[in-house]
């Protein structure tokens, strides 16, 4: 299942404001999604590589990572995001 990247609707943006925030400095690390994650990128520049695809995203992007995704995060500019699992 592919990683989905798009711009959020105004309703989605409003809803995501109440979600927790995660921050991470520039780094590279492996990650496995044991459940779906939806996030809104507030700051940063990130590339995520999996066997199936490589995607890059930044501020204003809504990103949906599917359950079962095995990937590597490459953060080139510190990231800050709202997120929700499930």
PDB file of N, CA and C in Angstrom:
ATOM      1  N   UNK A   1       0.832  -1.189   0.000  1.00  0.00           N
ATOM      2  CA  UNK A   1       0.000   0.000   0.000  1.00  0.00           C
ATOM      3  C   UNK A   1       0.877   1.253   0.000  1.00  0.00           C
ATOM      4  N   UNK A   2       0.609   2.206  -0.863  1.00  0.00           N
ATOM      5  CA  UNK A   2       1.496   3.371  -0.970  1.00  0.00           C
ATOM      6  C   UNK A   2       1.274   4.402   0.151  1.00  0.00           C
ATOM      7  N   UNK A   3       2.294   5.202   0.365  1.00  0.00           N
ATOM      8  CA  UNK A   3       2.202   6.362   1.256  1.00  0.00           C
ATOM      9  C   UNK A   3       1.418   7.424   0.495  1.00  0.00           C
ATOM     10  N   UNK A   4       0.431   8.011   1.150  1.00  0.00           N
ATOM     11  CA  UNK A   4      -0.400   9.034   0.510  1.00  0.00           C
ATOM     12  C   UNK A   4       0.024  10.413   1.015  1.00  0.00           C
ATOM     13  N   UNK A   5       0.223  11.348   0.073  1.00  0.00           N
ATOM     14  CA  UNK A   5       0.563  12.732   0.420  1.00  0.00           C
ATOM     15  C   UNK A   5      -0.390  13.648  -0.330  1.00  0.00           C
ATOM     16  N   UNK A   6      -1.010  14.576   0.412  1.00  0.00           N
ATOM     17  CA  UNK A   6      -1.911  15.543  -0.213  1.00  0.00           C
ATOM     18  C   UNK A   6      -2.048  16.742   0.706  1.00  0.00           C
ATOM     19  N   UNK A   7      -2.741  17.743   0.225  1.00  0.00           N
ATOM     20  CA  UNK A   7      -3.027  18.915   1.049  1.00  0.00           C
ATOM     21  C   UNK A   7      -4.315  18.641   1.822  1.00  0.00           C
ATOM     22  N   UNK A   8      -4.359  18.977   3.124  1.00  0.00           N
ATOM     23  CA  UNK A   8      -5.564  18.727   3.904  1.00  0.00           C
ATOM     24  C   UNK A   8      -6.674  19.716   3.581  1.00  0.00           C
ATOM     25  N   UNK A   9      -7.902  19.285   3.800  1.00  0.00           N
ATOM     26  CA  UNK A   9      -9.037  20.195   3.658  1.00  0.00           C
ATOM     27  C   UNK A   9      -9.059  21.110   4.885  1.00  0.00           C
ATOM     28  N   UNK A  10      -9.760  22.242   4.819  1.00  0.00           N
ATOM     29  CA  UNK A  10      -9.878  23.108   6.005  1.00  0.00           C
ATOM     30  C   UNK A  10     -10.458  22.368   7.217  1.00  0.00           C
ATOM     31  N   UNK A  11     -11.432  21.485   6.995  1.00  0.00           N
ATOM     32  CA  UNK A  11     -11.999  20.706   8.101  1.00  0.00           C
ATOM     33  C   UNK A  11     -10.958  19.777   8.725  1.00  0.00           C
ATOM     34  N   UNK A  12     -10.160  19.128   7.885  1.00  0.00           N
ATOM     35  CA  UNK A  12      -9.099  18.247   8.396  1.00  0.00           C
ATOM     36  C   UNK A  12      -8.078  19.044   9.203  1.00  0.00           C
ATOM     37  N   UNK A  13      -7.685  20.216   8.693  1.00  0.00           N
ATOM     38  CA  UNK A  13      -6.721  21.053   9.418  1.00  0.00           C
ATOM     39  C   UNK A  13      -7.250  21.423  10.796  1.00  0.00           C
ATOM     40  N   UNK A  14      -8.523  21.786  10.869  1.00  0.00           N
ATOM     41  CA  UNK A  14      -9.144  22.156  12.142  1.00  0.00           C
ATOM     42  C   UNK A  14      -9.110  20.979  13.120  1.00  0.00           C
ATOM     43  N   UNK A  15      -9.464  19.806  12.634  1.00  0.00           N
ATOM     44  CA  UNK A  15      -9.500  18.602  13.463  1.00  0.00           C
ATOM     45  C   UNK A  15      -8.100  18.231  13.973  1.00  0.00           C
ATOM     46  N   UNK A  16      -7.092  18.386  13.125  1.00  0.00           N
ATOM     47  CA  UNK A  16      -5.728  17.971  13.473  1.00  0.00           C
ATOM     48  C   UNK A  16      -5.074  18.885  14.506  1.00  0.00           C
ATOM     49  N   UNK A  17      -5.584  20.072  14.689  1.00  0.00           N
ATOM     50  CA  UNK A  17      -4.998  20.998  15.672  1.00  0.00           C
ATOM     51  C   UNK A  17      -5.017  20.437  17.089  1.00  0.00           C
ATOM     52  N   UNK A  18      -5.944  19.505  17.349  1.00  0.00           N
ATOM     53  CA  UNK A  18      -6.051  18.907  18.678  1.00  0.00           C
ATOM     54  C   UNK A  18      -5.184  17.658  18.848  1.00  0.00           C
ATOM     55  N   UNK A  19      -4.544  17.211  17.772  1.00  0.00           N
ATOM     56  CA  UNK A  19      -3.706  16.012  17.843  1.00  0.00           C
ATOM     57  C   UNK A  19      -2.377  16.335  18.530  1.00  0.00           C
ATOM     58  N   UNK A  20      -1.712  15.311  19.099  1.00  0.00           N
ATOM     59  CA  UNK A  20      -0.394  15.547  19.703  1.00  0.00           C
ATOM     60  C   UNK A  20       0.622  15.996  18.656  1.00  0.00           C
ATOM     61  N   UNK A  21       1.729  16.563  19.145  1.00  0.00           N
ATOM     62  CA  UNK A  21       2.811  17.021  18.263  1.00  0.00           C
ATOM     63  C   UNK A  21       4.056  16.182  18.531  1.00  0.00           C
ATOM     64  N   UNK A  22       4.736  15.812  17.453  1.00  0.00           N
ATOM     65  CA  UNK A  22       5.996  15.068  17.520  1.00  0.00           C
ATOM     66  C   UNK A  22       7.056  15.903  16.826  1.00  0.00           C
ATOM     67  N   UNK A  23       8.250  15.968  17.431  1.00  0.00           N
ATOM     68  CA  UNK A  23       9.361  16.726  16.854  1.00  0.00           C
ATOM     69  C   UNK A  23      10.609  15.844  16.831  1.00  0.00           C
ATOM     70  N   UNK A  24      11.425  16.049  15.801  1.00  0.00           N
ATOM     71  CA  UNK A  24      12.663  15.268  15.689  1.00  0.00           C
ATOM     72  C   UNK A  24      13.696  16.080  14.920  1.00  0.00           C
ATOM     73  N   UNK A  25      14.924  16.058  15.417  1.00  0.00           N
ATOM     74  CA  UNK A  25      16.036  16.756  14.776  1.00  0.00           C
ATOM     75  C   UNK A  25      16.461  16.009  13.509  1.00  0.00           C
ATOM     76  N   UNK A  26      17.278  16.673  12.667  1.00  0.00           N
ATOM     77  CA  UNK A  26      17.779  15.983  11.474  1.00  0.00           C
ATOM     78  C   UNK A  26      18.448  14.659  11.864  1.00  0.00           C
ATOM     79  N   UNK A  27      18.052  13.601  11.200  1.00  0.00           N
ATOM     80  CA  UNK A  27      18.533  12.260  11.529  1.00  0.00           C
ATOM     81  C   UNK A  27      18.051  11.275  10.476  1.00  0.00           C
ATOM     82  N   UNK A  28      18.492  10.038  10.625  1.00  0.00           N
ATOM     83  CA  UNK A  28      18.048   8.950   9.742  1.00  0.00           C
ATOM     84  C   UNK A  28      17.822   7.719  10.605  1.00  0.00           C
ATOM     85  N   UNK A  29      16.648   7.067  10.426  1.00  0.00           N
ATOM     86  CA  UNK A  29      16.344   5.903  11.253  1.00  0.00           C
ATOM     87  C   UNK A  29      15.309   5.012  10.555  1.00  0.00           C
ATOM     88  N   UNK A  30      15.363   3.690  10.832  1.00  0.00           N
ATOM     89  CA  UNK A  30      14.357   2.776  10.290  1.00  0.00           C
ATOM     90  C   UNK A  30      13.076   2.877  11.113  1.00  0.00           C
ATOM     91  N   UNK A  31      11.925   2.625  10.480  1.00  0.00           N
ATOM     92  CA  UNK A  31      10.651   2.660  11.185  1.00  0.00           C
ATOM     93  C   UNK A  31       9.689   1.651  10.584  1.00  0.00           C
ATOM     94  N   UNK A  32       8.917   0.998  11.451  1.00  0.00           N
ATOM     95  CA  UNK A  32       7.890   0.058  11.010  1.00  0.00           C
ATOM     96  C   UNK A  32       6.554   0.530  11.569  1.00  0.00           C
ATOM     97  N   UNK A  33       5.534   0.623  10.706  1.00  0.00           N
ATOM     98  CA  UNK A  33       4.200   1.045  11.117  1.00  0.00           C
ATOM     99  C   UNK A  33       3.348  -0.172  11.423  1.00  0.00           C
ATOM    100  N   UNK A  34       3.121  -0.427  12.734  1.00  0.00           N
ATOM    101  CA  UNK A  34       2.263  -1.556  13.080  1.00  0.00           C
ATOM    102  C   UNK A  34       0.792  -1.149  13.075  1.00  0.00           C
ATOM    103  N   UNK A  35       0.533   0.148  12.854  1.00  0.00           N
ATOM    104  CA  UNK A  35      -0.823   0.627  12.573  1.00  0.00           C
ATOM    105  C   UNK A  35      -0.713   1.876  11.698  1.00  0.00           C
ATOM    106  N   UNK A  36      -1.817   2.233  11.063  1.00  0.00           N
ATOM    107  CA  UNK A  36      -1.828   3.393  10.179  1.00  0.00           C
ATOM    108  C   UNK A  36      -1.523   4.661  10.972  1.00  0.00           C
ATOM    109  N   UNK A  37      -0.768   5.581  10.356  1.00  0.00           N
ATOM    110  CA  UNK A  37      -0.533   6.895  10.954  1.00  0.00           C
ATOM    111  C   UNK A  37      -0.945   7.968   9.955  1.00  0.00           C
ATOM    112  N   UNK A  38      -1.674   8.969  10.438  1.00  0.00           N
ATOM    113  CA  UNK A  38      -2.018  10.150   9.661  1.00  0.00           C
ATOM    114  C   UNK A  38      -1.340  11.326  10.334  1.00  0.00           C
ATOM    115  N   UNK A  39      -0.682  12.178   9.557  1.00  0.00           N
ATOM    116  CA  UNK A  39      -0.010  13.321  10.168  1.00  0.00           C
ATOM    117  C   UNK A  39      -0.080  14.552   9.272  1.00  0.00           C
ATOM    118  N   UNK A  40       0.020  15.705   9.916  1.00  0.00           N
ATOM    119  CA  UNK A  40       0.075  16.995   9.239  1.00  0.00           C
ATOM    120  C   UNK A  40       1.428  17.605   9.550  1.00  0.00           C
ATOM    121  N   UNK A  41       2.217  17.834   8.516  1.00  0.00           N
ATOM    122  CA  UNK A  41       3.564  18.361   8.694  1.00  0.00           C
ATOM    123  C   UNK A  41       3.495  19.870   8.916  1.00  0.00           C
ATOM    124  N   UNK A  42       4.054  20.324  10.022  1.00  0.00           N
ATOM    125  CA  UNK A  42       4.070  21.743  10.360  1.00  0.00           C
ATOM    126  C   UNK A  42       5.385  22.401   9.946  1.00  0.00           C
ATOM    127  N   UNK A  43       6.491  21.673  10.130  1.00  0.00           N
ATOM    128  CA  UNK A  43       7.822  22.171   9.781  1.00  0.00           C
ATOM    129  C   UNK A  43       8.669  20.996   9.341  1.00  0.00           C
ATOM    130  N   UNK A  44       9.717  21.308   8.558  1.00  0.00           N
ATOM    131  CA  UNK A  44      10.702  20.289   8.239  1.00  0.00           C
ATOM    132  C   UNK A  44      10.768  19.891   6.777  1.00  0.00           C
ATOM    133  N   UNK A  45      11.708  19.013   6.511  1.00  0.00           N
ATOM    134  CA  UNK A  45      11.926  18.447   5.185  1.00  0.00           C
ATOM    135  C   UNK A  45      12.301  16.992   5.400  1.00  0.00           C
ATOM    136  N   UNK A  46      11.452  16.084   4.919  1.00  0.00           N
ATOM    137  CA  UNK A  46      11.617  14.660   5.198  1.00  0.00           C
ATOM    138  C   UNK A  46      11.505  13.850   3.912  1.00  0.00           C
ATOM    139  N   UNK A  47      12.363  12.849   3.794  1.00  0.00           N
ATOM    140  CA  UNK A  47      12.249  11.843   2.744  1.00  0.00           C
ATOM    141  C   UNK A  47      12.045  10.506   3.438  1.00  0.00           C
ATOM    142  N   UNK A  48      11.057   9.744   2.984  1.00  0.00           N
ATOM    143  CA  UNK A  48      10.811   8.413   3.520  1.00  0.00           C
ATOM    144  C   UNK A  48      10.965   7.424   2.369  1.00  0.00           C
ATOM    145  N   UNK A  49      11.808   6.411   2.597  1.00  0.00           N
ATOM    146  CA  UNK A  49      12.077   5.402   1.576  1.00  0.00           C
ATOM    147  C   UNK A  49      11.569   4.045   2.052  1.00  0.00           C
ATOM    148  N   UNK A  50      10.842   3.376   1.161  1.00  0.00           N
ATOM    149  CA  UNK A  50      10.441   1.988   1.411  1.00  0.00           C
ATOM    150  C   UNK A  50      10.844   1.182   0.187  1.00  0.00           C
ATOM    151  N   UNK A  51      10.599  -0.103   0.244  1.00  0.00           N
ATOM    152  CA  UNK A  51      10.928  -0.950  -0.906  1.00  0.00           C
ATOM    153  C   UNK A  51      10.125  -0.531  -2.141  1.00  0.00           C
ATOM    154  N   UNK A  52       8.899  -0.049  -1.915  1.00  0.00           N
ATOM    155  CA  UNK A  52       7.982   0.277  -3.009  1.00  0.00           C
ATOM    156  C   UNK A  52       8.118   1.704  -3.544  1.00  0.00           C
ATOM    157  N   UNK A  53       8.505   2.651  -2.684  1.00  0.00           N
ATOM    158  CA  UNK A  53       8.512   4.043  -3.129  1.00  0.00           C
ATOM    159  C   UNK A  53       9.399   4.912  -2.241  1.00  0.00           C
ATOM    160  N   UNK A  54       9.735   6.088  -2.779  1.00  0.00           N
ATOM    161  CA  UNK A  54      10.431   7.124  -2.037  1.00  0.00           C
ATOM    162  C   UNK A  54       9.593   8.385  -2.163  1.00  0.00           C
ATOM    163  N   UNK A  55       9.279   9.006  -1.019  1.00  0.00           N
ATOM    164  CA  UNK A  55       8.474  10.221  -1.024  1.00  0.00           C
ATOM    165  C   UNK A  55       9.182  11.302  -0.224  1.00  0.00           C
ATOM    166  N   UNK A  56       8.892  12.550  -0.587  1.00  0.00           N
ATOM    167  CA  UNK A  56       9.442  13.699   0.139  1.00  0.00           C
ATOM    168  C   UNK A  56       8.275  14.614   0.477  1.00  0.00           C
ATOM    169  N   UNK A  57       8.288  15.157   1.689  1.00  0.00           N
ATOM    170  CA  UNK A  57       7.198  16.029   2.115  1.00  0.00           C
ATOM    171  C   UNK A  57       7.700  17.089   3.080  1.00  0.00           C
ATOM    172  N   UNK A  58       6.853  18.116   3.253  1.00  0.00           N
ATOM    173  CA  UNK A  58       7.223  19.239   4.107  1.00  0.00           C
ATOM    174  C   UNK A  58       5.991  19.964   4.617  1.00  0.00           C
ATOM    175  N   UNK A  59       6.181  21.206   5.075  1.00  0.00           N
ATOM    176  CA  UNK A  59       5.104  21.963   5.703  1.00  0.00           C
ATOM    177  C   UNK A  59       3.834  22.017   4.853  1.00  0.00           C
ATOM    178  N   UNK A  60       2.688  21.772   5.526  1.00  0.00           N
ATOM    179  CA  UNK A  60       1.394  21.841   4.854  1.00  0.00           C
ATOM    180  C   UNK A  60       0.922  20.533   4.262  1.00  0.00           C
ATOM    181  N   UNK A  61       1.791  19.522   4.250  1.00  0.00           N
ATOM    182  CA  UNK A  61       1.402  18.232   3.675  1.00  0.00           C
ATOM    183  C   UNK A  61       0.702  17.352   4.708  1.00  0.00           C
ATOM    184  N   UNK A  62      -0.366  16.696   4.272  1.00  0.00           N
ATOM    185  CA  UNK A  62      -1.014  15.648   5.048  1.00  0.00           C
ATOM    186  C   UNK A  62      -0.446  14.338   4.517  1.00  0.00           C
ATOM    187  N   UNK A  63       0.083  13.508   5.403  1.00  0.00           N
ATOM    188  CA  UNK A  63       0.728  12.261   4.986  1.00  0.00           C
ATOM    189  C   UNK A  63       0.057  11.103   5.716  1.00  0.00           C
ATOM    190  N   UNK A  64      -0.275  10.053   4.965  1.00  0.00           N
ATOM    191  CA  UNK A  64      -0.874   8.853   5.541  1.00  0.00           C
ATOM    192  C   UNK A  64       0.054   7.669   5.266  1.00  0.00           C
ATOM    193  N   UNK A  65       0.549   7.077   6.363  1.00  0.00           N
ATOM    194  CA  UNK A  65       1.422   5.911   6.280  1.00  0.00           C
ATOM    195  C   UNK A  65       0.582   4.670   6.550  1.00  0.00           C
ATOM    196  N   UNK A  66       0.577   3.694   5.625  1.00  0.00           N
ATOM    197  CA  UNK A  66      -0.260   2.505   5.815  1.00  0.00           C
ATOM    198  C   UNK A  66       0.300   1.543   6.864  1.00  0.00           C
ATOM    199  N   UNK A  67      -0.589   0.805   7.491  1.00  0.00           N
ATOM    200  CA  UNK A  67      -0.188  -0.249   8.420  1.00  0.00           C
ATOM    201  C   UNK A  67       0.673  -1.260   7.677  1.00  0.00           C
ATOM    202  N   UNK A  68       1.752  -1.717   8.328  1.00  0.00           N
ATOM    203  CA  UNK A  68       2.629  -2.719   7.721  1.00  0.00           C
ATOM    204  C   UNK A  68       3.789  -2.135   6.938  1.00  0.00           C
ATOM    205  N   UNK A  69       3.872  -0.800   6.845  1.00  0.00           N
ATOM    206  CA  UNK A  69       4.950  -0.163   6.092  1.00  0.00           C
ATOM    207  C   UNK A  69       6.271  -0.284   6.838  1.00  0.00           C
ATOM    208  N   UNK A  70       7.291  -0.763   6.141  1.00  0.00           N
ATOM    209  CA  UNK A  70       8.654  -0.860   6.657  1.00  0.00           C
ATOM    210  C   UNK A  70       9.467   0.152   5.863  1.00  0.00           C
ATOM    211  N   UNK A  71      10.049   1.146   6.531  1.00  0.00           N
ATOM    212  CA  UNK A  71      10.687   2.230   5.793  1.00  0.00           C
ATOM    213  C   UNK A  71      11.855   2.838   6.566  1.00  0.00           C
ATOM    214  N   UNK A  72      12.507   3.802   5.924  1.00  0.00           N
ATOM    215  CA  UNK A  72      13.569   4.580   6.561  1.00  0.00           C
ATOM    216  C   UNK A  72      13.221   6.041   6.447  1.00  0.00           C
ATOM    217  N   UNK A  73      13.245   6.725   7.578  1.00  0.00           N
ATOM    218  CA  UNK A  73      13.029   8.177   7.627  1.00  0.00           C
ATOM    219  C   UNK A  73      14.374   8.870   7.483  1.00  0.00           C
ATOM    220  N   UNK A  74      14.427   9.884   6.615  1.00  0.00           N
ATOM    221  CA  UNK A  74      15.618  10.720   6.446  1.00  0.00           C
ATOM    222  C   UNK A  74      15.175  12.172   6.630  1.00  0.00           C
ATOM    223  N   UNK A  75      15.455  12.714   7.802  1.00  0.00           N
ATOM    224  CA  UNK A  75      15.035  14.077   8.137  1.00  0.00           C
ATOM    225  C   UNK A  75      16.205  15.014   7.860  1.00  0.00           C
ATOM    226  N   UNK A  76      16.053  15.882   6.840  1.00  0.00           N
ATOM    227  CA  UNK A  76      17.133  16.798   6.496  1.00  0.00           C
ATOM    228  C   UNK A  76      16.965  18.162   7.171  1.00  0.00           C
ATOM    229  N   UNK A  77      15.732  18.504   7.548  1.00  0.00           N
ATOM    230  CA  UNK A  77      15.453  19.731   8.301  1.00  0.00           C
ATOM    231  C   UNK A  77      14.476  19.348   9.400  1.00  0.00           C
ATOM    232  N   UNK A  78      14.774  19.717  10.650  1.00  0.00           N
ATOM    233  CA  UNK A  78      13.988  19.294  11.815  1.00  0.00           C
ATOM    234  C   UNK A  78      12.488  19.290  11.525  1.00  0.00           C
ATOM    235  N   UNK A  79      11.851  18.190  11.906  1.00  0.00           N
ATOM    236  CA  UNK A  79      10.429  18.009  11.608  1.00  0.00           C
ATOM    237  C   UNK A  79       9.587  18.251  12.862  1.00  0.00           C
ATOM    238  N   UNK A  80       8.408  18.795  12.622  1.00  0.00           N
ATOM    239  CA  UNK A  80       7.391  19.007  13.657  1.00  0.00           C
ATOM    240  C   UNK A  80       6.065  18.672  13.001  1.00  0.00           C
ATOM    241  N   UNK A  81       5.291  17.787  13.635  1.00  0.00           N
ATOM    242  CA  UNK A  81       4.051  17.336  13.003  1.00  0.00           C
ATOM    243  C   UNK A  81       2.982  17.024  14.041  1.00  0.00           C
ATOM    244  N   UNK A  82       1.715  17.203  13.636  1.00  0.00           N
ATOM    245  CA  UNK A  82       0.580  16.655  14.362  1.00  0.00           C
ATOM    246  C   UNK A  82       0.437  15.222  13.867  1.00  0.00           C
ATOM    247  N   UNK A  83       0.060  14.295  14.745  1.00  0.00           N
ATOM    248  CA  UNK A  83      -0.075  12.899  14.311  1.00  0.00           C
ATOM    249  C   UNK A  83      -1.187  12.184  15.061  1.00  0.00           C
ATOM    250  N   UNK A  84      -1.662  11.119  14.408  1.00  0.00           N
ATOM    251  CA  UNK A  84      -2.651  10.231  15.038  1.00  0.00           C
ATOM    252  C   UNK A  84      -2.492   8.837  14.471  1.00  0.00           C
ATOM    253  N   UNK A  85      -2.473   7.852  15.361  1.00  0.00           N
ATOM    254  CA  UNK A  85      -2.394   6.445  14.938  1.00  0.00           C
ATOM    255  C   UNK A  85      -3.786   5.837  14.887  1.00  0.00           C
ATOM    256  N   UNK A  86      -3.936   4.825  14.035  1.00  0.00           N
ATOM    257  CA  UNK A  86      -5.196   4.094  13.958  1.00  0.00           C
ATOM    258  C   UNK A  86      -6.098   4.611  12.856  1.00  0.00           C
TER     259      UNK A  86
END
